[in-house]
Amino acid sequence: MSKTVSLLLVATLTLSACGAVRDSRVNPFNWFGQSRSVPVEPQAQTNPLIPTRGGLFASAREKAAEYNGSPFDQVTNLTIERIPGGAVIRATGLAARQGSYDVRLTPVNEDEEAVDGVLAYRLERVLPATRTNVGAQPTREVIAARHVTDQMLRGVRVIRVEARRNAVESRR
């Protein structure tokens, strides 16, 4: 009987000590905070009919390699999940219409490095050639994810995902 009571006492003390770790930086669930919506500055629109590079004899390989996505209407959720060797950035976007495909988190910087501690991505998609229905909200939601390594996260304090109408940040 005394062994059972002492074992229960040790188990109770051990479990009660876990409450102190819940809010500390040791707990991996606290490494990135809750995401929140922030306003975004409107970007200057460029004319898509005026070519920026290439020409009459541009190779077809260059055309196939470039991604012609446009920004999503808004980002509704941002989740950063720690994994061994880095993290997975998962963003949920809400499109204005159904039919978006080839959804990606594209880096704002070409070299995909943090600027002033901010690692920024843009949630982009490709629109279908024909006009589609608006549809209910669940039919317009998509999720895109991107893996980042520990080396890329070194020095990063904020991860930001931008869309056309808003941006969502998660702070460390």
N, C-alpha and C. Protein backbone atom coordinates (compact mmCIF):
# COMPACT_ATOMS: atom_id res chain seq x y z
N MET A 1 0.81 -1.19 0.00
CA MET A 1 0.00 0.00 0.00
C MET A 1 0.86 1.26 0.00
N SER A 2 1.94 1.26 0.79
CA SER A 2 2.80 2.45 0.86
C SER A 2 3.55 2.67 -0.46
N LYS A 3 3.85 1.59 -1.17
CA LYS A 3 4.51 1.75 -2.48
C LYS A 3 3.57 2.43 -3.47
N THR A 4 2.31 2.08 -3.44
CA THR A 4 1.33 2.66 -4.35
C THR A 4 1.13 4.14 -4.05
N VAL A 5 1.04 4.49 -2.77
CA VAL A 5 0.85 5.88 -2.38
C VAL A 5 2.08 6.71 -2.76
N SER A 6 3.27 6.18 -2.51
CA SER A 6 4.47 6.92 -2.86
C SER A 6 4.61 7.06 -4.37
N LEU A 7 4.23 6.04 -5.12
CA LEU A 7 4.28 6.12 -6.59
C LEU A 7 3.28 7.16 -7.10
N LEU A 8 2.09 7.20 -6.55
CA LEU A 8 1.10 8.22 -6.94
C LEU A 8 1.58 9.62 -6.57
N LEU A 9 2.23 9.76 -5.43
CA LEU A 9 2.75 11.05 -5.01
C LEU A 9 3.84 11.55 -5.97
N VAL A 10 4.75 10.67 -6.37
CA VAL A 10 5.82 11.04 -7.32
C VAL A 10 5.22 11.40 -8.67
N ALA A 11 4.23 10.63 -9.14
CA ALA A 11 3.59 10.91 -10.43
C ALA A 11 2.87 12.25 -10.40
N THR A 12 2.20 12.56 -9.29
CA THR A 12 1.49 13.84 -9.16
C THR A 12 2.46 15.01 -9.16
N LEU A 13 3.56 14.89 -8.45
CA LEU A 13 4.55 15.97 -8.43
C LEU A 13 5.20 16.16 -9.79
N THR A 14 5.46 15.08 -10.49
CA THR A 14 6.07 15.16 -11.83
C THR A 14 5.12 15.86 -12.81
N LEU A 15 3.85 15.48 -12.78
CA LEU A 15 2.89 16.09 -13.70
C LEU A 15 2.61 17.55 -13.36
N SER A 16 2.64 17.90 -12.09
CA SER A 16 2.40 19.30 -11.74
C SER A 16 3.57 20.19 -12.16
N ALA A 17 4.76 19.64 -12.30
CA ALA A 17 5.91 20.42 -12.75
C ALA A 17 5.81 20.76 -14.23
N CYS A 18 5.01 20.01 -14.99
CA CYS A 18 4.87 20.28 -16.43
C CYS A 18 4.19 21.61 -16.70
N GLY A 19 3.41 22.13 -15.76
CA GLY A 19 2.74 23.41 -15.95
C GLY A 19 3.71 24.57 -16.09
N ALA A 20 4.88 24.48 -15.48
CA ALA A 20 5.87 25.55 -15.57
C ALA A 20 6.52 25.57 -16.96
N VAL A 21 6.60 24.43 -17.63
CA VAL A 21 7.22 24.35 -18.95
C VAL A 21 6.25 24.81 -20.03
N ARG A 22 4.96 24.80 -19.73
CA ARG A 22 3.94 25.11 -20.73
C ARG A 22 4.16 26.48 -21.37
N ASP A 23 4.52 27.49 -20.59
CA ASP A 23 4.66 28.85 -21.11
C ASP A 23 6.10 29.25 -21.38
N SER A 24 7.05 28.31 -21.28
CA SER A 24 8.46 28.67 -21.45
C SER A 24 8.88 28.53 -22.91
N ARG A 25 10.08 28.99 -23.23
CA ARG A 25 10.62 28.89 -24.58
C ARG A 25 11.16 27.50 -24.87
N VAL A 26 11.21 26.64 -23.86
CA VAL A 26 11.67 25.26 -24.05
C VAL A 26 10.62 24.46 -24.80
N ASN A 27 9.36 24.79 -24.60
CA ASN A 27 8.25 24.08 -25.24
C ASN A 27 8.23 24.43 -26.72
N PRO A 28 8.34 23.44 -27.64
CA PRO A 28 8.37 23.74 -29.08
C PRO A 28 7.07 24.33 -29.61
N PHE A 29 5.95 24.15 -28.92
CA PHE A 29 4.69 24.75 -29.37
C PHE A 29 4.68 26.25 -29.17
N ASN A 30 5.60 26.80 -28.41
CA ASN A 30 5.66 28.24 -28.17
C ASN A 30 6.72 28.94 -29.03
N TRP A 31 7.36 28.23 -29.94
CA TRP A 31 8.43 28.83 -30.73
C TRP A 31 7.93 29.92 -31.66
N PHE A 32 6.74 29.79 -32.19
CA PHE A 32 6.12 30.83 -33.00
C PHE A 32 4.79 31.15 -32.37
N GLY A 33 4.44 32.41 -32.28
CA GLY A 33 3.21 32.83 -31.63
C GLY A 33 2.01 32.67 -32.55
N GLN A 34 0.90 33.20 -32.10
CA GLN A 34 -0.33 33.18 -32.90
C GLN A 34 -0.19 34.15 -34.07
N SER A 35 -0.77 33.78 -35.20
CA SER A 35 -0.72 34.66 -36.36
C SER A 35 -1.81 35.71 -36.23
N ARG A 36 -1.57 36.87 -36.87
CA ARG A 36 -2.55 37.94 -36.85
C ARG A 36 -2.52 38.66 -38.19
N SER A 37 -3.62 39.25 -38.57
CA SER A 37 -3.75 39.94 -39.84
C SER A 37 -3.22 41.36 -39.71
N VAL A 38 -2.45 41.81 -40.72
CA VAL A 38 -1.91 43.16 -40.75
C VAL A 38 -2.21 43.77 -42.12
N PRO A 39 -2.38 45.09 -42.21
CA PRO A 39 -2.67 45.71 -43.51
C PRO A 39 -1.45 45.66 -44.42
N VAL A 40 -1.69 45.67 -45.71
CA VAL A 40 -0.62 45.62 -46.69
C VAL A 40 -0.78 46.81 -47.64
N GLU A 41 0.35 47.38 -48.06
CA GLU A 41 0.33 48.51 -48.98
C GLU A 41 0.02 48.01 -50.38
N PRO A 42 -0.84 48.71 -51.12
CA PRO A 42 -1.13 48.28 -52.50
C PRO A 42 0.12 48.45 -53.37
N GLN A 43 0.35 47.47 -54.23
CA GLN A 43 1.52 47.52 -55.11
C GLN A 43 1.12 48.11 -56.45
N ALA A 44 2.09 48.70 -57.11
CA ALA A 44 1.84 49.29 -58.42
C ALA A 44 1.53 48.18 -59.42
N GLN A 45 0.50 48.39 -60.21
CA GLN A 45 0.11 47.41 -61.22
C GLN A 45 0.97 47.62 -62.48
N THR A 46 1.47 46.53 -63.02
CA THR A 46 2.22 46.61 -64.27
C THR A 46 1.35 46.10 -65.40
N ASN A 47 1.61 46.56 -66.58
CA ASN A 47 0.84 46.15 -67.74
C ASN A 47 1.34 44.79 -68.20
N PRO A 48 0.49 43.74 -68.15
CA PRO A 48 0.94 42.41 -68.56
C PRO A 48 1.14 42.27 -70.06
N LEU A 49 0.68 43.24 -70.83
CA LEU A 49 0.83 43.17 -72.29
C LEU A 49 2.20 43.65 -72.76
N ILE A 50 2.92 44.33 -71.91
CA ILE A 50 4.25 44.82 -72.27
C ILE A 50 5.27 43.82 -71.75
N PRO A 51 6.03 43.18 -72.64
CA PRO A 51 7.00 42.18 -72.17
C PRO A 51 8.15 42.84 -71.41
N THR A 52 8.60 42.18 -70.33
CA THR A 52 9.69 42.72 -69.55
C THR A 52 11.03 42.10 -69.95
N ARG A 53 11.00 40.91 -70.49
CA ARG A 53 12.22 40.29 -71.01
C ARG A 53 11.85 39.29 -72.08
N GLY A 54 12.83 38.75 -72.74
CA GLY A 54 12.55 37.82 -73.82
C GLY A 54 12.44 38.56 -75.13
N GLY A 55 11.93 37.91 -76.11
CA GLY A 55 11.78 38.53 -77.41
C GLY A 55 11.28 37.52 -78.41
N LEU A 56 11.50 37.81 -79.68
CA LEU A 56 11.01 36.95 -80.74
C LEU A 56 11.67 35.58 -80.70
N PHE A 57 12.95 35.50 -80.35
CA PHE A 57 13.67 34.23 -80.37
C PHE A 57 13.97 33.70 -78.96
N ALA A 58 13.16 34.08 -77.99
CA ALA A 58 13.36 33.58 -76.63
C ALA A 58 13.07 32.08 -76.60
N SER A 59 13.82 31.38 -75.79
CA SER A 59 13.67 29.92 -75.77
C SER A 59 12.37 29.53 -75.06
N ALA A 60 11.79 28.45 -75.50
CA ALA A 60 10.55 27.95 -74.90
C ALA A 60 10.82 27.41 -73.50
N ARG A 61 12.05 27.02 -73.26
CA ARG A 61 12.42 26.50 -71.94
C ARG A 61 12.27 27.57 -70.86
N GLU A 62 12.63 28.82 -71.16
CA GLU A 62 12.48 29.91 -70.21
C GLU A 62 11.02 30.15 -69.89
N LYS A 63 10.17 30.09 -70.90
CA LYS A 63 8.75 30.30 -70.69
C LYS A 63 8.16 29.22 -69.80
N ALA A 64 8.56 27.98 -70.00
CA ALA A 64 8.02 26.88 -69.22
C ALA A 64 8.50 26.95 -67.77
N ALA A 65 9.68 27.50 -67.55
CA ALA A 65 10.24 27.53 -66.20
C ALA A 65 9.66 28.65 -65.35
N GLU A 66 9.20 29.73 -65.96
CA GLU A 66 8.71 30.84 -65.15
C GLU A 66 7.28 30.58 -64.69
N TYR A 67 7.00 31.03 -63.50
CA TYR A 67 5.69 30.84 -62.86
C TYR A 67 4.89 32.11 -63.01
N ASN A 68 3.73 32.01 -63.63
CA ASN A 68 2.90 33.19 -63.89
C ASN A 68 1.72 33.26 -62.93
N GLY A 69 2.00 33.14 -61.66
CA GLY A 69 0.94 33.21 -60.65
C GLY A 69 0.63 34.64 -60.28
N SER A 70 -0.57 34.84 -59.78
CA SER A 70 -0.98 36.15 -59.29
C SER A 70 -1.34 36.02 -57.82
N PRO A 71 -1.23 37.09 -57.05
CA PRO A 71 -1.50 37.00 -55.61
C PRO A 71 -2.95 36.61 -55.30
N PHE A 72 -3.11 35.89 -54.22
CA PHE A 72 -4.43 35.51 -53.73
C PHE A 72 -5.16 36.73 -53.23
N ASP A 73 -6.47 36.60 -53.07
CA ASP A 73 -7.27 37.70 -52.57
C ASP A 73 -6.94 38.00 -51.12
N GLN A 74 -6.91 36.98 -50.26
CA GLN A 74 -6.55 37.20 -48.86
C GLN A 74 -6.03 35.92 -48.23
N VAL A 75 -5.21 36.11 -47.20
CA VAL A 75 -4.69 35.00 -46.41
C VAL A 75 -5.54 34.93 -45.14
N THR A 76 -6.06 33.74 -44.83
CA THR A 76 -6.93 33.61 -43.67
C THR A 76 -6.24 32.98 -42.47
N ASN A 77 -5.19 32.17 -42.70
CA ASN A 77 -4.54 31.50 -41.59
C ASN A 77 -3.08 31.22 -41.94
N LEU A 78 -2.23 31.27 -40.94
CA LEU A 78 -0.81 30.97 -41.10
C LEU A 78 -0.38 30.09 -39.94
N THR A 79 0.23 28.95 -40.27
CA THR A 79 0.70 28.02 -39.25
C THR A 79 2.13 27.65 -39.57
N ILE A 80 2.99 27.70 -38.55
CA ILE A 80 4.37 27.25 -38.70
C ILE A 80 4.53 26.02 -37.82
N GLU A 81 4.90 24.90 -38.44
CA GLU A 81 5.06 23.64 -37.72
C GLU A 81 6.54 23.28 -37.72
N ARG A 82 7.10 23.11 -36.54
CA ARG A 82 8.50 22.72 -36.42
C ARG A 82 8.65 21.25 -36.79
N ILE A 83 9.67 20.95 -37.57
CA ILE A 83 10.01 19.59 -37.93
C ILE A 83 11.52 19.45 -37.78
N PRO A 84 12.05 18.24 -37.71
CA PRO A 84 13.50 18.09 -37.62
C PRO A 84 14.20 18.72 -38.82
N GLY A 85 15.12 19.61 -38.57
CA GLY A 85 15.88 20.26 -39.64
C GLY A 85 15.25 21.53 -40.17
N GLY A 86 14.15 22.00 -39.59
CA GLY A 86 13.54 23.23 -40.09
C GLY A 86 12.12 23.39 -39.65
N ALA A 87 11.29 23.90 -40.58
CA ALA A 87 9.87 24.14 -40.29
C ALA A 87 9.09 24.07 -41.59
N VAL A 88 7.78 23.87 -41.44
CA VAL A 88 6.87 23.90 -42.58
C VAL A 88 5.95 25.09 -42.37
N ILE A 89 5.95 25.99 -43.35
CA ILE A 89 5.07 27.16 -43.31
C ILE A 89 3.82 26.79 -44.10
N ARG A 90 2.68 26.85 -43.44
CA ARG A 90 1.42 26.47 -44.08
C ARG A 90 0.47 27.65 -44.03
N ALA A 91 0.02 28.11 -45.22
CA ALA A 91 -0.87 29.26 -45.31
C ALA A 91 -2.17 28.85 -45.98
N THR A 92 -3.27 29.32 -45.42
CA THR A 92 -4.60 29.09 -46.00
C THR A 92 -5.04 30.38 -46.66
N GLY A 93 -5.46 30.28 -47.92
CA GLY A 93 -5.88 31.45 -48.66
C GLY A 93 -7.33 31.33 -49.10
N LEU A 94 -7.96 32.47 -49.27
CA LEU A 94 -9.34 32.53 -49.74
C LEU A 94 -9.35 33.28 -51.06
N ALA A 95 -9.74 32.59 -52.12
CA ALA A 95 -9.78 33.20 -53.45
C ALA A 95 -11.11 33.93 -53.66
N ALA A 96 -11.13 34.85 -54.59
CA ALA A 96 -12.36 35.57 -54.91
C ALA A 96 -13.32 34.67 -55.69
N ARG A 97 -12.78 33.70 -56.45
CA ARG A 97 -13.59 32.78 -57.25
C ARG A 97 -13.02 31.37 -57.15
N GLN A 98 -13.79 30.41 -57.57
CA GLN A 98 -13.34 29.02 -57.59
C GLN A 98 -12.38 28.79 -58.75
N GLY A 99 -11.67 27.67 -58.70
CA GLY A 99 -10.87 27.24 -59.84
C GLY A 99 -9.40 27.57 -59.77
N SER A 100 -8.91 28.18 -58.72
CA SER A 100 -7.48 28.47 -58.61
C SER A 100 -6.70 27.17 -58.54
N TYR A 101 -5.55 27.13 -59.18
CA TYR A 101 -4.70 25.94 -59.14
C TYR A 101 -3.24 26.35 -59.15
N ASP A 102 -2.37 25.39 -58.96
CA ASP A 102 -0.92 25.60 -58.88
C ASP A 102 -0.61 26.69 -57.84
N VAL A 103 -1.11 26.48 -56.64
CA VAL A 103 -0.96 27.43 -55.54
C VAL A 103 0.42 27.26 -54.93
N ARG A 104 1.12 28.38 -54.70
CA ARG A 104 2.48 28.34 -54.16
C ARG A 104 2.71 29.48 -53.18
N LEU A 105 3.64 29.24 -52.29
CA LEU A 105 4.20 30.31 -51.47
C LEU A 105 5.50 30.71 -52.13
N THR A 106 5.50 31.83 -52.81
CA THR A 106 6.70 32.27 -53.51
C THR A 106 7.42 33.31 -52.65
N PRO A 107 8.75 33.23 -52.58
CA PRO A 107 9.48 34.20 -51.76
C PRO A 107 9.39 35.60 -52.36
N VAL A 108 9.29 36.59 -51.48
CA VAL A 108 9.27 37.98 -51.92
C VAL A 108 10.66 38.36 -52.45
N ASN A 109 11.71 37.90 -51.77
CA ASN A 109 13.09 38.13 -52.23
C ASN A 109 13.49 36.95 -53.11
N GLU A 110 14.25 37.21 -54.14
CA GLU A 110 14.67 36.13 -55.03
C GLU A 110 15.60 35.15 -54.34
N ASP A 111 16.44 35.63 -53.42
CA ASP A 111 17.38 34.74 -52.75
C ASP A 111 16.77 34.07 -51.52
N GLU A 112 15.52 34.36 -51.21
CA GLU A 112 14.77 33.75 -50.09
C GLU A 112 15.49 33.91 -48.76
N GLU A 113 15.99 35.12 -48.51
CA GLU A 113 16.65 35.42 -47.25
C GLU A 113 15.81 36.43 -46.48
N ALA A 114 15.98 36.40 -45.17
CA ALA A 114 15.25 37.33 -44.31
C ALA A 114 15.85 38.73 -44.43
N VAL A 115 14.97 39.73 -44.46
CA VAL A 115 15.38 41.13 -44.49
C VAL A 115 14.93 41.75 -43.18
N ASP A 116 15.89 42.21 -42.38
CA ASP A 116 15.62 42.79 -41.06
C ASP A 116 14.84 41.83 -40.17
N GLY A 117 15.16 40.55 -40.26
CA GLY A 117 14.51 39.54 -39.42
C GLY A 117 13.15 39.09 -39.90
N VAL A 118 12.73 39.53 -41.10
CA VAL A 118 11.42 39.17 -41.64
C VAL A 118 11.62 38.28 -42.87
N LEU A 119 11.08 37.07 -42.81
CA LEU A 119 11.08 36.14 -43.94
C LEU A 119 9.71 36.24 -44.58
N ALA A 120 9.64 36.80 -45.80
CA ALA A 120 8.35 37.12 -46.42
C ALA A 120 8.09 36.24 -47.63
N TYR A 121 6.84 35.81 -47.74
CA TYR A 121 6.37 35.02 -48.87
C TYR A 121 5.08 35.64 -49.40
N ARG A 122 4.77 35.33 -50.65
CA ARG A 122 3.54 35.79 -51.27
C ARG A 122 2.73 34.55 -51.66
N LEU A 123 1.46 34.50 -51.28
CA LEU A 123 0.57 33.39 -51.63
C LEU A 123 0.02 33.65 -53.02
N GLU A 124 0.43 32.82 -53.99
CA GLU A 124 0.05 33.03 -55.39
C GLU A 124 -0.61 31.79 -55.96
N ARG A 125 -1.39 32.02 -57.03
CA ARG A 125 -2.06 30.93 -57.73
C ARG A 125 -2.21 31.27 -59.20
N VAL A 126 -2.56 30.26 -59.98
CA VAL A 126 -2.83 30.45 -61.40
C VAL A 126 -4.33 30.35 -61.59
N LEU A 127 -4.88 31.27 -62.35
CA LEU A 127 -6.32 31.30 -62.60
C LEU A 127 -6.66 30.50 -63.85
N PRO A 128 -7.84 29.88 -63.90
CA PRO A 128 -8.24 29.17 -65.12
C PRO A 128 -8.50 30.16 -66.26
N ALA A 129 -8.43 29.65 -67.49
CA ALA A 129 -8.62 30.51 -68.66
C ALA A 129 -10.05 31.00 -68.78
N THR A 130 -11.01 30.21 -68.32
CA THR A 130 -12.41 30.61 -68.40
C THR A 130 -12.87 31.17 -67.07
N ARG A 131 -13.89 32.00 -67.11
CA ARG A 131 -14.44 32.59 -65.89
C ARG A 131 -15.19 31.52 -65.11
N THR A 132 -15.00 31.48 -63.80
CA THR A 132 -15.62 30.46 -62.96
C THR A 132 -16.61 31.08 -61.99
N ASN A 133 -17.37 30.22 -61.31
CA ASN A 133 -18.34 30.68 -60.32
C ASN A 133 -17.65 31.18 -59.08
N VAL A 134 -18.39 32.00 -58.30
CA VAL A 134 -17.86 32.46 -57.03
C VAL A 134 -17.90 31.33 -56.03
N GLY A 135 -19.03 30.72 -55.81
CA GLY A 135 -19.15 29.56 -54.93
C GLY A 135 -19.07 29.91 -53.46
N ALA A 136 -19.32 28.91 -52.63
CA ALA A 136 -19.26 29.08 -51.19
C ALA A 136 -17.82 29.20 -50.72
N GLN A 137 -17.64 29.73 -49.52
CA GLN A 137 -16.29 29.95 -49.00
C GLN A 137 -15.45 28.67 -48.93
N PRO A 138 -15.97 27.52 -48.46
CA PRO A 138 -15.12 26.33 -48.41
C PRO A 138 -14.61 25.86 -49.78
N THR A 139 -15.33 26.18 -50.84
CA THR A 139 -14.88 25.78 -52.18
C THR A 139 -13.82 26.70 -52.74
N ARG A 140 -13.60 27.84 -52.10
CA ARG A 140 -12.59 28.79 -52.56
C ARG A 140 -11.33 28.79 -51.70
N GLU A 141 -11.31 28.01 -50.62
CA GLU A 141 -10.15 27.95 -49.74
C GLU A 141 -9.13 26.94 -50.24
N VAL A 142 -7.88 27.33 -50.18
CA VAL A 142 -6.79 26.43 -50.54
C VAL A 142 -5.68 26.57 -49.50
N ILE A 143 -4.84 25.55 -49.44
CA ILE A 143 -3.71 25.55 -48.50
C ILE A 143 -2.44 25.32 -49.29
N ALA A 144 -1.44 26.14 -49.03
CA ALA A 144 -0.12 25.98 -49.64
C ALA A 144 0.90 25.88 -48.52
N ALA A 145 1.95 25.10 -48.76
CA ALA A 145 2.98 24.92 -47.74
C ALA A 145 4.35 25.04 -48.37
N ARG A 146 5.33 25.37 -47.52
CA ARG A 146 6.71 25.48 -47.98
C ARG A 146 7.63 25.07 -46.84
N HIS A 147 8.63 24.29 -47.18
CA HIS A 147 9.61 23.84 -46.19
C HIS A 147 10.76 24.83 -46.15
N VAL A 148 11.15 25.22 -44.94
CA VAL A 148 12.33 26.06 -44.75
C VAL A 148 13.27 25.34 -43.80
N THR A 149 14.55 25.50 -44.02
CA THR A 149 15.54 24.82 -43.20
C THR A 149 15.92 25.66 -41.99
N ASP A 150 16.63 25.02 -41.06
CA ASP A 150 17.11 25.74 -39.89
C ASP A 150 18.06 26.87 -40.28
N GLN A 151 18.85 26.67 -41.33
CA GLN A 151 19.77 27.71 -41.79
C GLN A 151 19.00 28.92 -42.31
N MET A 152 17.88 28.69 -42.98
CA MET A 152 17.08 29.80 -43.48
C MET A 152 16.38 30.53 -42.34
N LEU A 153 16.07 29.82 -41.25
CA LEU A 153 15.39 30.42 -40.11
C LEU A 153 16.33 31.14 -39.15
N ARG A 154 17.63 30.99 -39.36
CA ARG A 154 18.60 31.64 -38.48
C ARG A 154 18.45 33.16 -38.60
N GLY A 155 18.18 33.80 -37.50
CA GLY A 155 18.03 35.25 -37.49
C GLY A 155 16.63 35.73 -37.83
N VAL A 156 15.69 34.83 -38.08
CA VAL A 156 14.33 35.20 -38.44
C VAL A 156 13.51 35.40 -37.17
N ARG A 157 12.84 36.54 -37.07
CA ARG A 157 11.96 36.83 -35.94
C ARG A 157 10.49 36.84 -36.37
N VAL A 158 10.22 37.12 -37.65
CA VAL A 158 8.86 37.21 -38.15
C VAL A 158 8.77 36.46 -39.48
N ILE A 159 7.74 35.65 -39.63
CA ILE A 159 7.43 35.03 -40.92
C ILE A 159 6.14 35.69 -41.39
N ARG A 160 6.17 36.22 -42.62
CA ARG A 160 5.05 37.01 -43.15
C ARG A 160 4.60 36.41 -44.48
N VAL A 161 3.29 36.22 -44.63
CA VAL A 161 2.70 35.76 -45.89
C VAL A 161 1.74 36.85 -46.36
N GLU A 162 1.97 37.32 -47.59
CA GLU A 162 1.21 38.44 -48.14
C GLU A 162 0.21 37.95 -49.18
N ALA A 163 -0.89 38.66 -49.27
CA ALA A 163 -1.89 38.45 -50.32
C ALA A 163 -2.24 39.83 -50.88
N ARG A 164 -3.27 39.89 -51.70
CA ARG A 164 -3.64 41.17 -52.31
C ARG A 164 -4.24 42.13 -51.28
N ARG A 165 -5.12 41.62 -50.40
CA ARG A 165 -5.82 42.53 -49.46
C ARG A 165 -5.24 42.54 -48.06
N ASN A 166 -4.44 41.55 -47.69
CA ASN A 166 -3.89 41.55 -46.33
C ASN A 166 -2.59 40.76 -46.31
N ALA A 167 -1.98 40.76 -45.14
CA ALA A 167 -0.80 39.95 -44.89
C ALA A 167 -0.95 39.38 -43.48
N VAL A 168 -0.42 38.19 -43.25
CA VAL A 168 -0.51 37.55 -41.94
C VAL A 168 0.92 37.28 -41.47
N GLU A 169 1.20 37.63 -40.22
CA GLU A 169 2.54 37.45 -39.66
C GLU A 169 2.47 36.51 -38.47
N SER A 170 3.57 35.81 -38.26
CA SER A 170 3.74 35.01 -37.06
C SER A 170 5.11 35.35 -36.49
N ARG A 171 5.13 35.73 -35.22
CA ARG A 171 6.37 36.16 -34.58
C ARG A 171 6.93 35.05 -33.72
N ARG A 172 8.24 35.04 -33.59
CA ARG A 172 8.93 34.09 -32.74
C ARG A 172 8.94 34.55 -31.33
